[in-house]
Protein backbone atom coordinates (compact mmCIF):
# COMPACT_ATOMS: atom_id res chain seq x y z
CA MET A 1 0.02 0.07 0.08
CA ASN A 2 1.15 3.58 -0.62
CA SER A 3 -0.41 5.01 2.58
CA LYS A 4 1.52 5.40 5.75
CA SER A 5 1.59 2.47 7.95
CA ARG A 6 2.61 2.20 11.64
CA SER A 7 2.92 -0.41 14.35
CA LEU A 8 -0.50 -0.90 16.25
CA LYS A 9 -1.88 -3.22 18.51
CA PHE A 10 -4.53 -5.86 17.60
CA SER A 11 -6.94 -3.93 19.96
CA GLU A 12 -5.75 -0.52 18.75
CA ALA A 13 -6.63 -1.70 15.10
CA ILE A 14 -10.22 -2.79 16.06
CA GLN A 15 -10.77 0.61 17.83
CA GLU A 16 -9.44 2.66 14.79
CA ALA A 17 -11.65 0.49 12.39
CA THR A 18 -14.71 1.21 14.57
CA ALA A 19 -13.79 4.96 14.87
CA LEU A 20 -13.55 5.30 10.99
CA ALA A 21 -16.88 3.26 10.67
CA LEU A 22 -18.52 5.62 13.00
CA ARG A 23 -17.18 8.68 11.43
CA LYS A 24 -18.07 7.66 7.93
CA ASP A 25 -21.62 6.49 8.41
CA PRO A 26 -24.10 7.91 11.01
CA SER A 27 -26.17 4.77 10.91
CA VAL A 28 -23.25 2.86 12.45
CA TYR A 29 -23.36 2.53 16.33
CA ILE A 30 -21.76 0.17 18.75
CA MET A 31 -23.38 -1.47 21.93
CA GLY A 32 -22.79 -4.15 24.50
CA LEU A 33 -21.77 -4.90 28.11
CA GLY A 34 -18.81 -2.88 28.90
CA VAL A 35 -18.23 -0.78 25.73
CA PRO A 36 -17.82 2.57 27.42
CA ASP A 37 -15.99 1.00 30.53
CA PRO A 38 -12.51 2.45 31.37
CA LYS A 39 -10.71 -0.58 30.15
CA GLY A 40 -12.74 -0.35 26.92
CA LEU A 41 -13.09 -4.17 26.03
CA PHE A 42 -9.39 -4.90 25.98
CA GLY A 43 -8.73 -1.49 24.58
CA THR A 44 -11.02 -2.00 21.41
CA THR A 45 -13.55 0.79 22.38
CA LEU A 46 -11.32 3.21 24.26
CA GLY A 47 -12.30 6.73 23.66
CA LEU A 48 -15.08 6.07 21.52
CA GLU A 49 -17.97 7.50 23.94
CA ALA A 50 -16.01 10.64 24.23
CA GLU A 51 -15.89 11.27 20.56
CA PHE A 52 -19.27 9.98 19.36
CA GLY A 53 -21.36 10.36 22.54
CA SER A 54 -23.57 7.83 24.47
CA HIS A 55 -26.24 7.68 21.83
CA ARG A 56 -23.89 5.82 19.56
CA VAL A 57 -21.61 4.07 21.96
CA LEU A 58 -24.00 2.33 24.24
CA ASP A 59 -23.60 0.24 27.36
CA MET A 60 -26.14 -2.36 27.74
CA PRO A 61 -27.41 -4.42 30.81
CA ILE A 62 -26.71 -8.08 31.23
CA SER A 63 -29.46 -8.92 28.74
CA GLU A 64 -27.94 -10.65 25.70
CA ASN A 65 -30.88 -11.83 24.06
CA GLY A 66 -32.74 -8.51 24.41
CA MET A 67 -29.96 -6.44 23.08
CA THR A 68 -29.40 -8.93 20.10
CA GLY A 69 -33.12 -8.24 19.31
CA VAL A 70 -32.56 -4.43 19.48
CA ALA A 71 -29.49 -4.77 17.29
CA ILE A 72 -31.46 -6.84 14.80
CA GLY A 73 -34.63 -4.57 14.80
CA SER A 74 -32.48 -1.64 14.30
CA ALA A 75 -30.49 -3.28 11.40
CA ILE A 76 -33.79 -3.99 9.61
CA SER A 77 -34.84 -0.49 10.10
CA GLY A 78 -31.73 0.86 8.43
CA MET A 79 -28.95 1.21 11.06
CA ARG A 80 -25.51 -0.79 11.11
CA PRO A 81 -25.02 -1.87 14.56
CA ILE A 82 -21.94 -3.39 15.88
CA LEU A 83 -22.96 -5.60 18.72
CA THR A 84 -20.18 -6.90 21.33
CA HIS A 85 -19.78 -9.92 23.59
CA GLN A 86 -16.96 -10.00 26.10
CA ARG A 87 -16.86 -13.85 25.60
CA VAL A 88 -18.26 -16.09 23.00
CA GLU A 89 -20.28 -17.92 25.58
CA PHE A 90 -22.35 -14.50 26.45
CA ALA A 91 -23.61 -14.86 22.87
CA LEU A 92 -25.03 -18.13 23.49
CA LEU A 93 -27.80 -16.65 25.29
CA SER A 94 -28.90 -14.94 22.00
CA VAL A 95 -28.37 -17.88 19.57
CA GLU A 96 -32.05 -18.12 18.62
CA GLN A 97 -32.06 -14.51 17.57
CA ILE A 98 -28.75 -14.98 15.62
CA VAL A 99 -29.70 -18.33 13.98
CA ASN A 100 -33.50 -17.84 13.50
CA GLN A 101 -33.62 -14.11 12.76
CA ALA A 102 -30.50 -12.51 11.73
CA ALA A 103 -29.21 -15.33 9.49
CA LYS A 104 -32.60 -15.92 7.74
CA TRP A 105 -34.42 -12.49 7.30
CA PHE A 106 -32.80 -11.79 3.79
CA HIS A 107 -33.94 -15.25 2.53
CA MET A 108 -37.24 -15.20 4.05
CA THR A 109 -38.18 -11.65 2.62
CA ALA A 110 -36.87 -12.75 -0.75
CA GLY A 111 -33.92 -10.34 -0.55
CA LYS A 112 -36.29 -7.37 0.39
CA LYS A 113 -34.76 -6.93 3.83
CA ASN A 114 -31.18 -7.02 4.85
CA ILE A 115 -29.60 -7.15 8.19
CA PRO A 116 -26.23 -5.51 8.32
CA LEU A 117 -25.34 -6.45 11.58
CA VAL A 118 -21.81 -7.23 13.08
CA ILE A 119 -21.65 -9.27 16.21
CA ARG A 120 -18.10 -9.16 17.81
CA MET A 121 -17.26 -12.26 20.00
CA ILE A 122 -14.11 -12.57 22.05
CA ILE A 123 -12.64 -16.24 22.42
CA GLY A 124 -9.57 -17.75 23.89
CA ARG A 125 -7.93 -19.51 26.55
CA GLY A 126 -6.52 -19.22 29.96
CA TRP A 127 -6.15 -17.45 33.19
CA GLY A 128 -8.19 -19.89 34.97
CA GLN A 129 -11.49 -19.25 32.76
CA GLY A 130 -11.95 -22.82 32.58
CA ALA A 131 -14.81 -24.77 30.70
CA GLN A 132 -17.50 -21.91 30.62
CA HIS A 133 -15.38 -18.90 29.33
CA SER A 134 -12.40 -20.34 27.19
CA GLN A 135 -14.29 -21.97 24.30
CA SER A 136 -13.72 -21.38 20.54
CA LEU A 137 -17.25 -22.03 18.97
CA GLU A 138 -16.56 -20.53 15.49
CA SER A 139 -17.76 -23.89 13.84
CA TRP A 140 -21.21 -23.47 15.33
CA PHE A 141 -21.87 -20.06 13.47
CA ALA A 142 -20.07 -21.30 10.57
CA HIS A 143 -22.64 -24.20 10.30
CA ILE A 144 -25.57 -21.70 9.50
CA PRO A 145 -26.29 -20.47 6.12
CA GLY A 146 -26.87 -16.76 6.14
CA LEU A 147 -24.07 -15.81 8.39
CA LYS A 148 -20.41 -14.90 7.56
CA VAL A 149 -17.73 -15.61 10.04
CA VAL A 150 -14.41 -13.70 10.19
CA MET A 151 -11.47 -14.53 12.31
CA PRO A 152 -8.47 -12.09 11.83
CA ALA A 153 -4.93 -13.17 12.98
CA THR A 154 -3.22 -9.84 12.40
CA PRO A 155 -3.69 -6.16 13.37
CA HIS A 156 -3.86 -5.39 9.64
CA ASP A 157 -6.62 -7.79 9.01
CA ALA A 158 -8.43 -6.88 12.40
CA LYS A 159 -8.94 -3.39 10.89
CA GLY A 160 -9.62 -4.30 7.41
CA LEU A 161 -12.05 -7.29 8.30
CA LEU A 162 -13.86 -5.12 10.63
CA ILE A 163 -14.59 -2.39 8.15
CA SER A 164 -15.73 -4.97 5.55
CA ALA A 165 -17.88 -6.35 8.15
CA VAL A 166 -19.60 -3.17 8.83
CA GLU A 167 -20.06 -2.28 5.23
CA ASP A 168 -21.48 -5.83 4.37
CA ASN A 169 -25.34 -6.05 3.98
CA ASN A 170 -25.17 -9.50 5.69
CA PRO A 171 -24.81 -10.25 9.36
CA VAL A 172 -21.24 -11.01 10.15
CA ILE A 173 -19.78 -12.86 13.13
CA TYR A 174 -16.42 -11.14 13.94
CA ILE A 175 -14.37 -13.43 16.33
CA GLU A 176 -11.18 -12.04 17.87
CA HIS A 177 -8.97 -14.32 20.29
CA ARG A 178 -7.99 -12.38 23.25
CA TRP A 179 -4.44 -13.64 23.20
CA LEU A 180 -4.13 -11.44 19.79
CA HIS A 181 -5.24 -8.18 21.39
CA ASN A 182 -1.62 -7.18 22.68
CA THR A 183 0.12 -8.50 19.56
CA PHE A 184 1.56 -5.74 17.30
CA GLY A 185 1.79 -5.27 13.45
CA GLU A 186 1.81 -2.68 10.59
CA VAL A 187 -1.40 -1.03 9.92
CA PRO A 188 -2.12 1.62 7.24
CA GLU A 189 -3.67 4.92 8.60
CA GLU A 190 -6.26 5.10 5.79
CA SER A 191 -9.57 3.18 5.83
CA TYR A 192 -9.27 0.07 3.89
CA THR A 193 -10.92 -3.48 3.65
CA THR A 194 -9.75 -6.95 3.68
CA PRO A 195 -11.87 -9.01 1.67
CA ILE A 196 -14.22 -11.46 3.34
CA GLY A 197 -13.85 -15.06 2.03
CA LYS A 198 -10.27 -14.69 0.84
CA ALA A 199 -7.44 -16.53 2.67
CA HIS A 200 -3.87 -15.31 2.99
CA VAL A 201 -0.68 -17.26 2.30
CA VAL A 202 1.51 -16.05 5.00
CA SER A 203 4.52 -18.14 4.57
CA GLU A 204 5.46 -20.16 1.30
CA GLY A 205 7.29 -23.65 1.08
CA SER A 206 6.97 -26.75 -0.94
CA ASP A 207 7.12 -29.64 1.59
CA LEU A 208 3.74 -29.28 3.24
CA THR A 209 0.63 -26.97 3.57
CA ILE A 210 -0.41 -25.89 7.05
CA VAL A 211 -3.88 -24.21 7.34
CA ALA A 212 -4.61 -22.44 10.34
CA HIS A 213 -6.82 -19.47 11.61
CA SER A 214 -6.85 -16.96 14.37
CA TYR A 215 -4.31 -17.24 17.26
CA MET A 216 -3.12 -20.84 15.70
CA THR A 217 -1.96 -18.82 12.67
CA ILE A 218 0.56 -17.20 14.97
CA GLU A 219 1.52 -20.69 16.54
CA ALA A 220 1.90 -22.26 13.02
CA LEU A 221 4.31 -19.47 12.00
CA LYS A 222 6.22 -20.04 15.19
CA ALA A 223 6.54 -23.86 14.19
CA VAL A 224 7.68 -22.81 10.73
CA LYS A 225 10.64 -20.93 12.22
CA ILE A 226 11.63 -24.18 13.99
CA LEU A 227 11.05 -26.39 10.88
CA ILE A 228 13.19 -24.09 8.65
CA ASN A 229 16.31 -24.85 10.74
CA GLU A 230 15.57 -28.50 9.99
CA GLY A 231 15.49 -27.75 6.35
CA ILE A 232 11.57 -28.09 6.00
CA ASN A 233 9.69 -25.45 4.32
CA CYS A 234 5.95 -25.10 4.67
CA ASP A 235 3.14 -23.20 3.02
CA VAL A 236 1.15 -21.43 5.85
CA ILE A 237 -2.42 -20.31 4.99
CA ASP A 238 -4.44 -18.11 7.30
CA LEU A 239 -7.97 -18.48 6.50
CA ARG A 240 -9.11 -15.17 7.91
CA THR A 241 -12.59 -16.26 6.91
CA ILE A 242 -14.34 -19.34 8.21
CA ARG A 243 -17.48 -18.77 6.16
CA PRO A 244 -17.47 -18.36 3.39
CA LEU A 245 -14.36 -20.69 3.13
CA ASP A 246 -11.64 -19.95 0.50
CA ILE A 247 -11.14 -23.42 -0.36
CA GLU A 248 -9.47 -22.74 -3.71
CA THR A 249 -6.61 -21.17 -1.92
CA ILE A 250 -6.06 -24.21 -0.05
CA ILE A 251 -6.48 -26.48 -2.93
CA SER A 252 -3.93 -24.58 -4.79
CA SER A 253 -1.45 -25.07 -2.26
CA VAL A 254 -2.02 -28.79 -1.43
CA GLU A 255 -1.82 -29.41 -5.24
CA LYS A 256 1.64 -28.03 -4.99
CA THR A 257 2.85 -29.86 -1.55
CA LYS A 258 0.74 -32.89 -1.79
CA LYS A 259 0.37 -33.00 1.90
CA LEU A 260 -1.78 -31.10 4.41
CA LEU A 261 -1.88 -30.31 8.19
CA VAL A 262 -4.95 -28.42 9.57
CA VAL A 263 -4.18 -26.72 12.80
CA ASP A 264 -7.67 -25.97 14.41
CA ASN A 265 -8.34 -23.15 16.66
CA GLY A 266 -11.12 -25.17 18.37
CA TRP A 267 -12.18 -28.69 18.99
CA MET A 268 -11.46 -30.89 15.91
CA HIS A 269 -14.67 -33.07 16.04
CA PHE A 270 -17.44 -31.71 13.59
CA GLY A 271 -15.06 -28.44 13.05
CA VAL A 272 -13.25 -26.36 10.68
CA SER A 273 -10.54 -28.67 10.19
CA ALA A 274 -13.13 -31.60 9.62
CA GLU A 275 -14.62 -29.49 6.92
CA ILE A 276 -11.39 -28.46 5.19
CA ILE A 277 -9.91 -32.12 5.17
CA SER A 278 -13.34 -33.45 3.97
CA ILE A 279 -13.31 -31.15 0.98
CA VAL A 280 -9.60 -31.59 0.25
CA SER A 281 -9.99 -35.31 0.29
CA GLU A 282 -12.88 -35.22 -2.15
CA ARG A 283 -11.14 -32.84 -4.61
CA LEU A 284 -7.54 -34.47 -4.24
CA SER A 285 -7.90 -38.02 -3.30
CA THR A 286 -5.84 -39.21 -5.98
CA SER A 287 -2.99 -36.74 -5.83
CA LEU A 288 -2.30 -36.74 -2.11
CA GLU A 289 0.99 -38.45 -1.09
CA THR A 290 0.01 -38.75 2.66
CA ASN A 291 -3.41 -38.67 4.55
CA PRO A 292 -4.36 -35.27 5.50
CA LYS A 293 -3.85 -34.60 9.29
CA ARG A 294 -5.22 -32.41 11.98
CA ILE A 295 -4.47 -31.17 15.37
CA GLY A 296 -6.45 -29.09 17.60
CA ILE A 297 -7.90 -28.47 21.21
CA GLU A 298 -8.23 -31.78 22.99
CA ASP A 299 -11.70 -33.12 23.08
CA VAL A 300 -12.57 -32.29 26.66
CA PRO A 301 -14.00 -29.32 28.30
CA ILE A 302 -11.36 -26.57 29.00
CA PRO A 303 -9.93 -27.20 32.50
CA SER A 304 -9.22 -24.27 34.71
CA THR A 305 -6.13 -25.52 36.40
CA ARG A 306 -2.79 -24.63 34.68
CA ALA A 307 -1.37 -28.13 35.35
CA LEU A 308 -3.93 -29.58 32.83
CA ALA A 309 -4.56 -26.56 30.66
CA LYS A 310 -1.00 -26.94 29.23
CA TYR A 311 -1.95 -30.34 27.61
CA VAL A 312 -5.18 -29.20 25.79
CA TYR A 313 -4.06 -26.55 23.21
CA PRO A 314 -1.69 -27.18 20.29
CA THR A 315 1.88 -25.58 20.55
CA PRO A 316 4.45 -24.59 17.94
CA ILE A 317 6.66 -27.54 19.12
CA ARG A 318 3.54 -29.98 18.61
CA ILE A 319 3.00 -28.80 15.15
CA ALA A 320 6.38 -28.93 14.18
CA ARG A 321 6.52 -32.53 15.22
CA GLU A 322 3.36 -33.46 13.53
CA VAL A 323 4.80 -31.78 10.30
CA ALA A 324 8.02 -33.96 10.73
CA SER A 325 5.84 -37.06 11.32
CA ILE A 326 3.85 -36.54 8.06
CA LEU A 327 7.13 -35.89 6.27
CA ASP A 328 8.66 -38.94 8.02
CA GLN A 329 11.50 -36.96 9.18
CA GLU A 330 13.56 -37.03 12.35
CA ILE A 331 13.94 -33.49 14.03
CA GLU A 332 15.41 -32.52 17.32
CA ILE A 333 13.26 -30.03 19.29
CA GLN A 334 13.79 -28.96 22.89
CA ASP A 335 10.68 -29.03 25.07
CA ILE A 336 9.27 -25.76 26.25
CA ASP A 337 10.31 -24.87 29.86
CA GLU A 338 7.25 -26.22 31.83
CA ASN A 339 7.65 -23.11 34.01
CA ILE A 340 6.32 -20.81 31.28
CA PRO A 341 2.58 -20.27 31.51
CA THR A 342 0.43 -21.80 28.75
CA ASP A 343 -2.71 -20.02 29.75
CA GLN A 344 -1.10 -16.49 29.86
CA PRO A 345 -0.14 -14.60 26.69
CA ASP A 346 2.43 -12.16 28.36
CA ALA A 347 3.34 -10.97 31.87
CA SER A 348 0.81 -7.94 31.44
CA PHE A 349 -2.15 -10.40 31.19
CA THR A 350 -3.68 -10.62 34.67
CA GLY A 351 -7.21 -11.44 33.91
CA PRO A 352 -10.08 -11.89 34.71
CA PHE A 353 -11.19 -11.81 31.12
């Protein structure tokens, strides 16, 4: 891009995208529990109420189903709401509204009524949040026709995908991993869009294709650095969008490497990795040199205790070892120091969310 870029946090990129959308279009507003709070939803809404007022930056009571109905109704009436949930689990209280109303209204009205609604949901592990506040449920929403599901992994895409989501005339589920909020990346100052439904090849190689999304893209890239030292070079594809799924970018890469590993951000059963492997197997069954593989969160409710949580999530070392196994290659990797917390992204992260 020709515009000036600077390094921003993931959270700052979301805040900037929201501010740009609010300035550009008076029909845009944002609401949710804690939106005007001093911490501003991990920094993603800081300063918005001061600039745009409480009539466009709204705090809401603990009534997720009710405020989803308000958002849907206002979207039908011509507004462009951004609805936020501090945890994806809070959105479960409004699933009927999302699945039966938002996702279907356009089709039930024969295209006469759109619902330009963005629902931000925060996912992510750790800090003792346990079974009820650490889930990655993107595959639930991606299962529903009429919903789009985006999951940025970088500050650049956090901004670009949010602007795309706000400008889209369909309901978009915008899922952000809280371990990404304090990550940095180059972000242009201007308003721009990242296309919904287009994956990004973030690293290139010919030995194997790794497909990941959200925070697992970061973990996959760490694994690639380990593998390069062993003479192994991989394509890494960041999905960016779960629905619609950019299967053509995946197919193009796997046609080149003949091997596939999908690193799932959530549980593997009935999830994103299952869908990708199913499609790849259907289309490339005769040209694959090995069976496609996948790794993801262990198939258990997320434990609260650090002693157990460290066994639940894929790590760069586990990803690297899985790649080496697929390639039938021996590699030497030292285990991570067990004293390093696996449920804390950095020392500044002290919870509770």
